[in-house]
Amino acid sequence: MVIADDQELVRAGFAMVIGSQPDMQVVGQASDGAQAVSLAESLHPDVVLMDVRMPGMDGIEATRRISASGDGSANPTRVIILTTFDLDEYVMAAINAGASGFLLKDTEPETLLSSIRTVFNGNAIIAPSATKRLIEKMMQDGYANGETSAHTVDTGVRPAYTDPELDLLTDREREVLVEIAHGLSNQEIADKLFISLPTVKTHVAHILAKINARDRVQAVVFAYDNGLV
């Protein structure tokens, strides 16, 4: 793993938390985006923790370059954006640049570590505080796979049609998808629906396969686009 942040103390703090885990190792640290790109190219880390605001090349541009270099790779480097700023433009820019995660720096260490593992396993994670506003903006801007219906999420207006994949979901899978759209983690979904964590993970895998979604972000867009939320 590579940590990119212009503040040395911040990097050291993250490195300490990550280094305490038996399944994680920090192999490099960068103080700006250009260094992060260089380290990603030379070290091929599984994950990069990327700050947004850094001197020279910022984290968004660095993420775009790292993501582009990994296109078509069997084991691409995945990027998690970490920032103190919970702003829509940062979330949208991060996702559009190819980031697999967006978290705030005040995230609990346990959440950070679980998010790293989630992203390493090929899934996406977005801070729950940003999920609803992100999806609303994605819908308004037509982000979902480049094509979305034009209905407005905030007004409660539902689409005049639904995707045929929706009919493939069981009632329980629809319930799980709704909670994903609300920004809940797998554990939170398990607690809310009174089912086991492995069962939730199975449902999530089935949902992504049935609706042809690459990750949870696309699943959330699908839920909003089909009037489930």
C-alpha atoms as a PDB file:
ATOM      1  CA  MET A   1       0.000   0.000   0.000  1.00  0.00           C
ATOM      2  CA  VAL A   2       1.071   3.580  -0.724  1.00  0.00           C
ATOM      3  CA  ILE A   3      -0.015   6.583   1.337  1.00  0.00           C
ATOM      4  CA  ALA A   4      -0.100   9.987  -0.384  1.00  0.00           C
ATOM      5  CA  ASP A   5      -0.541  13.090   1.780  1.00  0.00           C
ATOM      6  CA  ASP A   6       1.404  16.330   1.994  1.00  0.00           C
ATOM      7  CA  GLN A   7       1.419  16.243   5.817  1.00  0.00           C
ATOM      8  CA  GLU A   8       4.100  13.943   7.225  1.00  0.00           C
ATOM      9  CA  LEU A   9       2.308  13.443  10.539  1.00  0.00           C
ATOM     10  CA  VAL A  10      -0.862  12.382   8.755  1.00  0.00           C
ATOM     11  CA  ARG A  11       1.067   9.856   6.682  1.00  0.00           C
ATOM     12  CA  ALA A  12       2.782   8.544   9.799  1.00  0.00           C
ATOM     13  CA  GLY A  13      -0.554   8.123  11.576  1.00  0.00           C
ATOM     14  CA  PHE A  14      -2.097   6.164   8.736  1.00  0.00           C
ATOM     15  CA  ALA A  15       1.058   4.094   8.352  1.00  0.00           C
ATOM     16  CA  MET A  16       0.956   3.175  12.035  1.00  0.00           C
ATOM     17  CA  VAL A  17      -2.674   2.045  11.867  1.00  0.00           C
ATOM     18  CA  ILE A  18      -2.205   0.101   8.636  1.00  0.00           C
ATOM     19  CA  GLY A  19       1.128  -1.388   9.655  1.00  0.00           C
ATOM     20  CA  SER A  20      -0.468  -2.897  12.760  1.00  0.00           C
ATOM     21  CA  GLN A  21      -2.465  -5.274  10.570  1.00  0.00           C
ATOM     22  CA  PRO A  22      -0.971  -8.665   9.685  1.00  0.00           C
ATOM     23  CA  ASP A  23      -2.455  -8.583   6.180  1.00  0.00           C
ATOM     24  CA  MET A  24      -1.350  -5.035   5.272  1.00  0.00           C
ATOM     25  CA  GLN A  25       1.965  -3.357   4.549  1.00  0.00           C
ATOM     26  CA  VAL A  26       2.870   0.217   3.656  1.00  0.00           C
ATOM     27  CA  VAL A  27       5.480   0.028   0.892  1.00  0.00           C
ATOM     28  CA  GLY A  28       5.761   3.722   0.087  1.00  0.00           C
ATOM     29  CA  GLN A  29       4.768   7.250   1.066  1.00  0.00           C
ATOM     30  CA  ALA A  30       4.292  10.292  -1.163  1.00  0.00           C
ATOM     31  CA  SER A  31       3.969  13.982  -0.333  1.00  0.00           C
ATOM     32  CA  ASP A  32       2.266  14.966  -3.594  1.00  0.00           C
ATOM     33  CA  GLY A  33       0.351  13.511  -6.502  1.00  0.00           C
ATOM     34  CA  ALA A  34       3.331  13.203  -8.835  1.00  0.00           C
ATOM     35  CA  GLN A  35       5.218  11.110  -6.285  1.00  0.00           C
ATOM     36  CA  ALA A  36       2.122   8.954  -5.769  1.00  0.00           C
ATOM     37  CA  VAL A  37       1.906   8.240  -9.496  1.00  0.00           C
ATOM     38  CA  SER A  38       5.611   7.425  -9.640  1.00  0.00           C
ATOM     39  CA  LEU A  39       5.396   5.058  -6.664  1.00  0.00           C
ATOM     40  CA  ALA A  40       2.307   3.371  -8.092  1.00  0.00           C
ATOM     41  CA  GLU A  41       4.139   2.758 -11.362  1.00  0.00           C
ATOM     42  CA  SER A  42       7.276   1.369  -9.712  1.00  0.00           C
ATOM     43  CA  LEU A  43       5.809  -0.538  -6.745  1.00  0.00           C
ATOM     44  CA  HIS A  44       2.440  -1.674  -8.135  1.00  0.00           C
ATOM     45  CA  PRO A  45       0.669  -1.455  -4.759  1.00  0.00           C
ATOM     46  CA  ASP A  46      -2.764  -2.999  -4.353  1.00  0.00           C
ATOM     47  CA  VAL A  47      -4.194   0.184  -2.840  1.00  0.00           C
ATOM     48  CA  VAL A  48      -3.244   3.859  -2.635  1.00  0.00           C
ATOM     49  CA  LEU A  49      -4.646   6.124   0.079  1.00  0.00           C
ATOM     50  CA  MET A  50      -4.826   9.478  -1.667  1.00  0.00           C
ATOM     51  CA  ASP A  51      -5.290  12.946  -0.205  1.00  0.00           C
ATOM     52  CA  VAL A  52      -7.121  15.452  -2.411  1.00  0.00           C
ATOM     53  CA  ARG A  53      -5.359  18.737  -1.711  1.00  0.00           C
ATOM     54  CA  MET A  54      -1.616  18.440  -2.284  1.00  0.00           C
ATOM     55  CA  PRO A  55       0.932  20.797  -3.859  1.00  0.00           C
ATOM     56  CA  GLY A  56       1.693  20.371  -7.538  1.00  0.00           C
ATOM     57  CA  MET A  57      -0.394  17.498  -8.858  1.00  0.00           C
ATOM     58  CA  ASP A  58      -3.478  17.051  -6.696  1.00  0.00           C
ATOM     59  CA  GLY A  59      -4.988  13.745  -5.634  1.00  0.00           C
ATOM     60  CA  ILE A  60      -7.725  13.756  -8.247  1.00  0.00           C
ATOM     61  CA  GLU A  61      -5.314  14.036 -11.171  1.00  0.00           C
ATOM     62  CA  ALA A  62      -3.008  11.466  -9.587  1.00  0.00           C
ATOM     63  CA  THR A  63      -5.952   9.106  -9.203  1.00  0.00           C
ATOM     64  CA  ARG A  64      -6.898   9.604 -12.849  1.00  0.00           C
ATOM     65  CA  ARG A  65      -3.376   8.715 -13.997  1.00  0.00           C
ATOM     66  CA  ILE A  66      -3.057   5.695 -11.734  1.00  0.00           C
ATOM     67  CA  SER A  67      -6.461   4.392 -12.788  1.00  0.00           C
ATOM     68  CA  ALA A  68      -5.706   4.921 -16.472  1.00  0.00           C
ATOM     69  CA  SER A  69      -2.405   3.066 -16.207  1.00  0.00           C
ATOM     70  CA  GLY A  70      -4.189   0.063 -14.718  1.00  0.00           C
ATOM     71  CA  ASP A  71      -6.901  -0.250 -17.363  1.00  0.00           C
ATOM     72  CA  GLY A  72      -7.078  -3.822 -18.558  1.00  0.00           C
ATOM     73  CA  SER A  73      -4.745  -5.083 -15.845  1.00  0.00           C
ATOM     74  CA  ALA A  74      -5.702  -8.219 -13.933  1.00  0.00           C
ATOM     75  CA  ASN A  75      -4.536  -6.599 -10.683  1.00  0.00           C
ATOM     76  CA  PRO A  76      -4.904  -2.828 -11.030  1.00  0.00           C
ATOM     77  CA  THR A  77      -3.903  -0.436  -8.281  1.00  0.00           C
ATOM     78  CA  ARG A  78      -7.062   0.817  -6.588  1.00  0.00           C
ATOM     79  CA  VAL A  79      -7.335   4.275  -5.038  1.00  0.00           C
ATOM     80  CA  ILE A  80      -9.173   5.396  -1.909  1.00  0.00           C
ATOM     81  CA  ILE A  81      -9.599   9.144  -1.631  1.00  0.00           C
ATOM     82  CA  LEU A  82      -9.154  10.478   1.911  1.00  0.00           C
ATOM     83  CA  THR A  83     -10.043  14.085   2.629  1.00  0.00           C
ATOM     84  CA  THR A  84     -11.183  16.406   5.389  1.00  0.00           C
ATOM     85  CA  PHE A  85     -13.645  17.998   2.983  1.00  0.00           C
ATOM     86  CA  ASP A  86     -17.048  16.343   2.545  1.00  0.00           C
ATOM     87  CA  LEU A  87     -17.846  18.214  -0.676  1.00  0.00           C
ATOM     88  CA  ASP A  88     -19.897  17.022  -3.622  1.00  0.00           C
ATOM     89  CA  GLU A  89     -17.367  18.151  -6.197  1.00  0.00           C
ATOM     90  CA  TYR A  90     -14.624  16.108  -4.574  1.00  0.00           C
ATOM     91  CA  VAL A  91     -16.771  12.974  -4.455  1.00  0.00           C
ATOM     92  CA  MET A  92     -17.828  13.335  -8.077  1.00  0.00           C
ATOM     93  CA  ALA A  93     -14.309  14.158  -9.220  1.00  0.00           C
ATOM     94  CA  ALA A  94     -12.920  11.156  -7.337  1.00  0.00           C
ATOM     95  CA  ILE A  95     -15.424   8.732  -8.835  1.00  0.00           C
ATOM     96  CA  ASN A  96     -14.984  10.141 -12.330  1.00  0.00           C
ATOM     97  CA  ALA A  97     -11.209   9.835 -11.942  1.00  0.00           C
ATOM     98  CA  GLY A  98     -11.569   6.133 -11.204  1.00  0.00           C
ATOM     99  CA  ALA A  99     -11.329   6.031  -7.405  1.00  0.00           C
ATOM    100  CA  SER A 100     -12.719   2.932  -5.726  1.00  0.00           C
ATOM    101  CA  GLY A 101     -13.383   4.672  -2.437  1.00  0.00           C
ATOM    102  CA  PHE A 102     -14.054   8.020  -0.810  1.00  0.00           C
ATOM    103  CA  LEU A 103     -13.659   8.455   2.947  1.00  0.00           C
ATOM    104  CA  LEU A 104     -13.250  11.362   5.332  1.00  0.00           C
ATOM    105  CA  LYS A 105     -10.086  11.579   7.400  1.00  0.00           C
ATOM    106  CA  ASP A 106     -12.074  11.455  10.636  1.00  0.00           C
ATOM    107  CA  THR A 107     -13.233   7.931   9.742  1.00  0.00           C
ATOM    108  CA  GLU A 108     -12.740   5.472  12.600  1.00  0.00           C
ATOM    109  CA  PRO A 109      -9.620   3.283  12.224  1.00  0.00           C
ATOM    110  CA  GLU A 110     -11.741   0.124  12.106  1.00  0.00           C
ATOM    111  CA  THR A 111     -13.818   1.577   9.281  1.00  0.00           C
ATOM    112  CA  LEU A 112     -10.704   2.637   7.393  1.00  0.00           C
ATOM    113  CA  LEU A 113      -9.196  -0.839   7.642  1.00  0.00           C
ATOM    114  CA  SER A 114     -12.404  -2.587   6.598  1.00  0.00           C
ATOM    115  CA  SER A 115     -12.738  -0.159   3.690  1.00  0.00           C
ATOM    116  CA  ILE A 116      -9.219  -0.945   2.515  1.00  0.00           C
ATOM    117  CA  ARG A 117     -10.055  -4.643   2.535  1.00  0.00           C
ATOM    118  CA  THR A 118     -13.321  -3.970   0.711  1.00  0.00           C
ATOM    119  CA  VAL A 119     -11.553  -2.048  -2.041  1.00  0.00           C
ATOM    120  CA  PHE A 120      -8.757  -4.621  -2.239  1.00  0.00           C
ATOM    121  CA  ASN A 121     -11.417  -7.261  -2.925  1.00  0.00           C
ATOM    122  CA  GLY A 122     -12.653  -5.280  -5.910  1.00  0.00           C
ATOM    123  CA  ASN A 123     -15.592  -3.416  -4.388  1.00  0.00           C
ATOM    124  CA  ALA A 124     -16.218   0.281  -3.847  1.00  0.00           C
ATOM    125  CA  ILE A 125     -16.829   2.234  -0.671  1.00  0.00           C
ATOM    126  CA  ILE A 126     -18.169   5.747  -0.175  1.00  0.00           C
ATOM    127  CA  ALA A 127     -18.578   7.613   3.102  1.00  0.00           C
ATOM    128  CA  PRO A 128     -22.271   7.254   4.078  1.00  0.00           C
ATOM    129  CA  SER A 129     -22.529  11.022   4.643  1.00  0.00           C
ATOM    130  CA  ALA A 130     -21.779  11.577   0.963  1.00  0.00           C
ATOM    131  CA  THR A 131     -23.783   8.737  -0.581  1.00  0.00           C
ATOM    132  CA  LYS A 132     -27.235  10.315  -0.920  1.00  0.00           C
ATOM    133  CA  ARG A 133     -25.991  13.663  -2.231  1.00  0.00           C
ATOM    134  CA  LEU A 134     -23.591  11.905  -4.580  1.00  0.00           C
ATOM    135  CA  ILE A 135     -26.277   9.755  -6.144  1.00  0.00           C
ATOM    136  CA  GLU A 136     -28.692  12.664  -6.522  1.00  0.00           C
ATOM    137  CA  LYS A 137     -26.039  14.610  -8.395  1.00  0.00           C
ATOM    138  CA  MET A 138     -25.109  11.566 -10.461  1.00  0.00           C
ATOM    139  CA  MET A 139     -28.731  11.166 -11.501  1.00  0.00           C
ATOM    140  CA  GLN A 140     -29.100  14.841 -12.387  1.00  0.00           C
ATOM    141  CA  ASP A 141     -25.858  14.851 -14.366  1.00  0.00           C
ATOM    142  CA  GLY A 142     -26.590  11.583 -16.181  1.00  0.00           C
ATOM    143  CA  TYR A 143     -23.636   9.742 -14.690  1.00  0.00           C
ATOM    144  CA  ALA A 144     -24.966   6.210 -14.382  1.00  0.00           C
ATOM    145  CA  ASN A 145     -22.995   4.352 -17.035  1.00  0.00           C
ATOM    146  CA  GLY A 146     -23.255   7.472 -19.148  1.00  0.00           C
ATOM    147  CA  GLU A 147     -27.048   7.125 -19.430  1.00  0.00           C
ATOM    148  CA  THR A 148     -29.777   7.693 -16.859  1.00  0.00           C
ATOM    149  CA  SER A 149     -33.423   8.559 -16.927  1.00  0.00           C
ATOM    150  CA  ALA A 150     -34.160  12.207 -16.318  1.00  0.00           C
ATOM    151  CA  HIS A 151     -36.415  11.848 -13.268  1.00  0.00           C
ATOM    152  CA  THR A 152     -35.484  13.878 -10.201  1.00  0.00           C
ATOM    153  CA  VAL A 153     -34.697  11.952  -7.062  1.00  0.00           C
ATOM    154  CA  ASP A 154     -35.561  14.683  -4.560  1.00  0.00           C
ATOM    155  CA  THR A 155     -39.160  15.171  -5.720  1.00  0.00           C
ATOM    156  CA  GLY A 156     -40.103  11.526  -5.377  1.00  0.00           C
ATOM    157  CA  VAL A 157     -40.945  11.292  -9.074  1.00  0.00           C
ATOM    158  CA  ARG A 158     -40.516   7.674 -10.171  1.00  0.00           C
ATOM    159  CA  PRO A 159     -39.367   6.582 -13.608  1.00  0.00           C
ATOM    160  CA  ALA A 160     -41.919   5.600 -16.207  1.00  0.00           C
ATOM    161  CA  TYR A 161     -40.013   2.354 -16.786  1.00  0.00           C
ATOM    162  CA  THR A 162     -37.717   0.048 -14.887  1.00  0.00           C
ATOM    163  CA  ASP A 163     -34.758  -1.968 -16.001  1.00  0.00           C
ATOM    164  CA  PRO A 164     -35.633  -5.618 -16.746  1.00  0.00           C
ATOM    165  CA  GLU A 165     -32.862  -6.709 -14.359  1.00  0.00           C
ATOM    166  CA  LEU A 166     -35.016  -5.464 -11.501  1.00  0.00           C
ATOM    167  CA  ASP A 167     -37.374  -8.402 -11.999  1.00  0.00           C
ATOM    168  CA  LEU A 168     -34.477 -10.791 -11.448  1.00  0.00           C
ATOM    169  CA  LEU A 169     -34.089  -9.700  -7.831  1.00  0.00           C
ATOM    170  CA  THR A 170     -35.832 -11.523  -5.013  1.00  0.00           C
ATOM    171  CA  ASP A 171     -37.763  -9.531  -2.403  1.00  0.00           C
ATOM    172  CA  ARG A 172     -34.903  -9.911   0.054  1.00  0.00           C
ATOM    173  CA  GLU A 173     -32.350  -8.811  -2.531  1.00  0.00           C
ATOM    174  CA  ARG A 174     -34.431  -5.703  -3.172  1.00  0.00           C
ATOM    175  CA  GLU A 175     -34.433  -4.995   0.563  1.00  0.00           C
ATOM    176  CA  VAL A 176     -30.656  -5.312   0.682  1.00  0.00           C
ATOM    177  CA  LEU A 177     -30.266  -3.120  -2.401  1.00  0.00           C
ATOM    178  CA  VAL A 178     -32.368  -0.385  -0.785  1.00  0.00           C
ATOM    179  CA  GLU A 179     -30.127  -0.409   2.281  1.00  0.00           C
ATOM    180  CA  ILE A 180     -27.031  -0.274   0.067  1.00  0.00           C
ATOM    181  CA  ALA A 181     -28.561   2.807  -1.557  1.00  0.00           C
ATOM    182  CA  HIS A 182     -28.988   4.325   1.897  1.00  0.00           C
ATOM    183  CA  GLY A 183     -25.241   3.998   2.417  1.00  0.00           C
ATOM    184  CA  LEU A 184     -25.289   1.163   4.948  1.00  0.00           C
ATOM    185  CA  SER A 185     -22.340  -1.187   5.287  1.00  0.00           C
ATOM    186  CA  ASN A 186     -22.782  -4.953   5.092  1.00  0.00           C
ATOM    187  CA  GLN A 187     -22.670  -5.233   8.881  1.00  0.00           C
ATOM    188  CA  GLU A 188     -25.247  -2.475   9.289  1.00  0.00           C
ATOM    189  CA  ILE A 189     -27.517  -4.197   6.773  1.00  0.00           C
ATOM    190  CA  ALA A 190     -27.152  -7.475   8.656  1.00  0.00           C
ATOM    191  CA  ASP A 191     -28.088  -5.800  11.930  1.00  0.00           C
ATOM    192  CA  LYS A 192     -31.055  -3.959  10.436  1.00  0.00           C
ATOM    193  CA  LEU A 193     -32.520  -6.937   8.566  1.00  0.00           C
ATOM    194  CA  PHE A 194     -31.651  -9.465  11.301  1.00  0.00           C
ATOM    195  CA  ILE A 195     -29.620 -11.682   9.004  1.00  0.00           C
ATOM    196  CA  SER A 196     -26.020 -12.871   9.189  1.00  0.00           C
ATOM    197  CA  LEU A 197     -23.103 -10.996   7.656  1.00  0.00           C
ATOM    198  CA  PRO A 198     -22.228 -13.892   5.285  1.00  0.00           C
ATOM    199  CA  THR A 199     -25.841 -13.880   4.093  1.00  0.00           C
ATOM    200  CA  VAL A 200     -25.630 -10.155   3.340  1.00  0.00           C
ATOM    201  CA  LYS A 201     -22.402 -10.668   1.399  1.00  0.00           C
ATOM    202  CA  THR A 202     -24.069 -13.413  -0.625  1.00  0.00           C
ATOM    203  CA  HIS A 203     -27.049 -11.180  -1.379  1.00  0.00           C
ATOM    204  CA  VAL A 204     -24.765  -8.321  -2.430  1.00  0.00           C
ATOM    205  CA  ALA A 205     -22.832 -10.599  -4.784  1.00  0.00           C
ATOM    206  CA  HIS A 206     -26.067 -11.869  -6.332  1.00  0.00           C
ATOM    207  CA  ILE A 207     -27.414  -8.332  -6.702  1.00  0.00           C
ATOM    208  CA  LEU A 208     -24.301  -7.070  -8.483  1.00  0.00           C
ATOM    209  CA  ALA A 209     -24.338 -10.058 -10.826  1.00  0.00           C
ATOM    210  CA  LYS A 210     -28.037  -9.803 -11.638  1.00  0.00           C
ATOM    211  CA  ILE A 211     -28.042  -6.066 -12.375  1.00  0.00           C
ATOM    212  CA  ASN A 212     -24.641  -6.133 -14.122  1.00  0.00           C
ATOM    213  CA  ALA A 213     -23.144  -3.643 -11.673  1.00  0.00           C
ATOM    214  CA  ARG A 214     -19.390  -3.379 -11.278  1.00  0.00           C
ATOM    215  CA  ASP A 215     -19.577  -2.235  -7.662  1.00  0.00           C
ATOM    216  CA  ARG A 216     -21.793  -0.728  -4.953  1.00  0.00           C
ATOM    217  CA  VAL A 217     -21.714   2.710  -6.560  1.00  0.00           C
ATOM    218  CA  GLN A 218     -23.377   1.397  -9.706  1.00  0.00           C
ATOM    219  CA  ALA A 219     -25.791  -0.604  -7.551  1.00  0.00           C
ATOM    220  CA  VAL A 220     -26.864   2.567  -5.763  1.00  0.00           C
ATOM    221  CA  VAL A 221     -27.398   4.339  -9.070  1.00  0.00           C
ATOM    222  CA  PHE A 222     -29.488   1.380 -10.236  1.00  0.00           C
ATOM    223  CA  ALA A 223     -31.640   1.585  -7.101  1.00  0.00           C
ATOM    224  CA  TYR A 224     -32.316   5.292  -7.568  1.00  0.00           C
ATOM    225  CA  ASP A 225     -32.823   4.946 -11.306  1.00  0.00           C
ATOM    226  CA  ASN A 226     -35.491   2.313 -10.746  1.00  0.00           C
ATOM    227  CA  GLY A 227     -37.367   4.125  -8.020  1.00  0.00           C
ATOM    228  CA  LEU A 228     -36.408   1.839  -5.139  1.00  0.00           C
ATOM    229  CA  VAL A 229     -35.301   4.800  -3.026  1.00  0.00           C
END
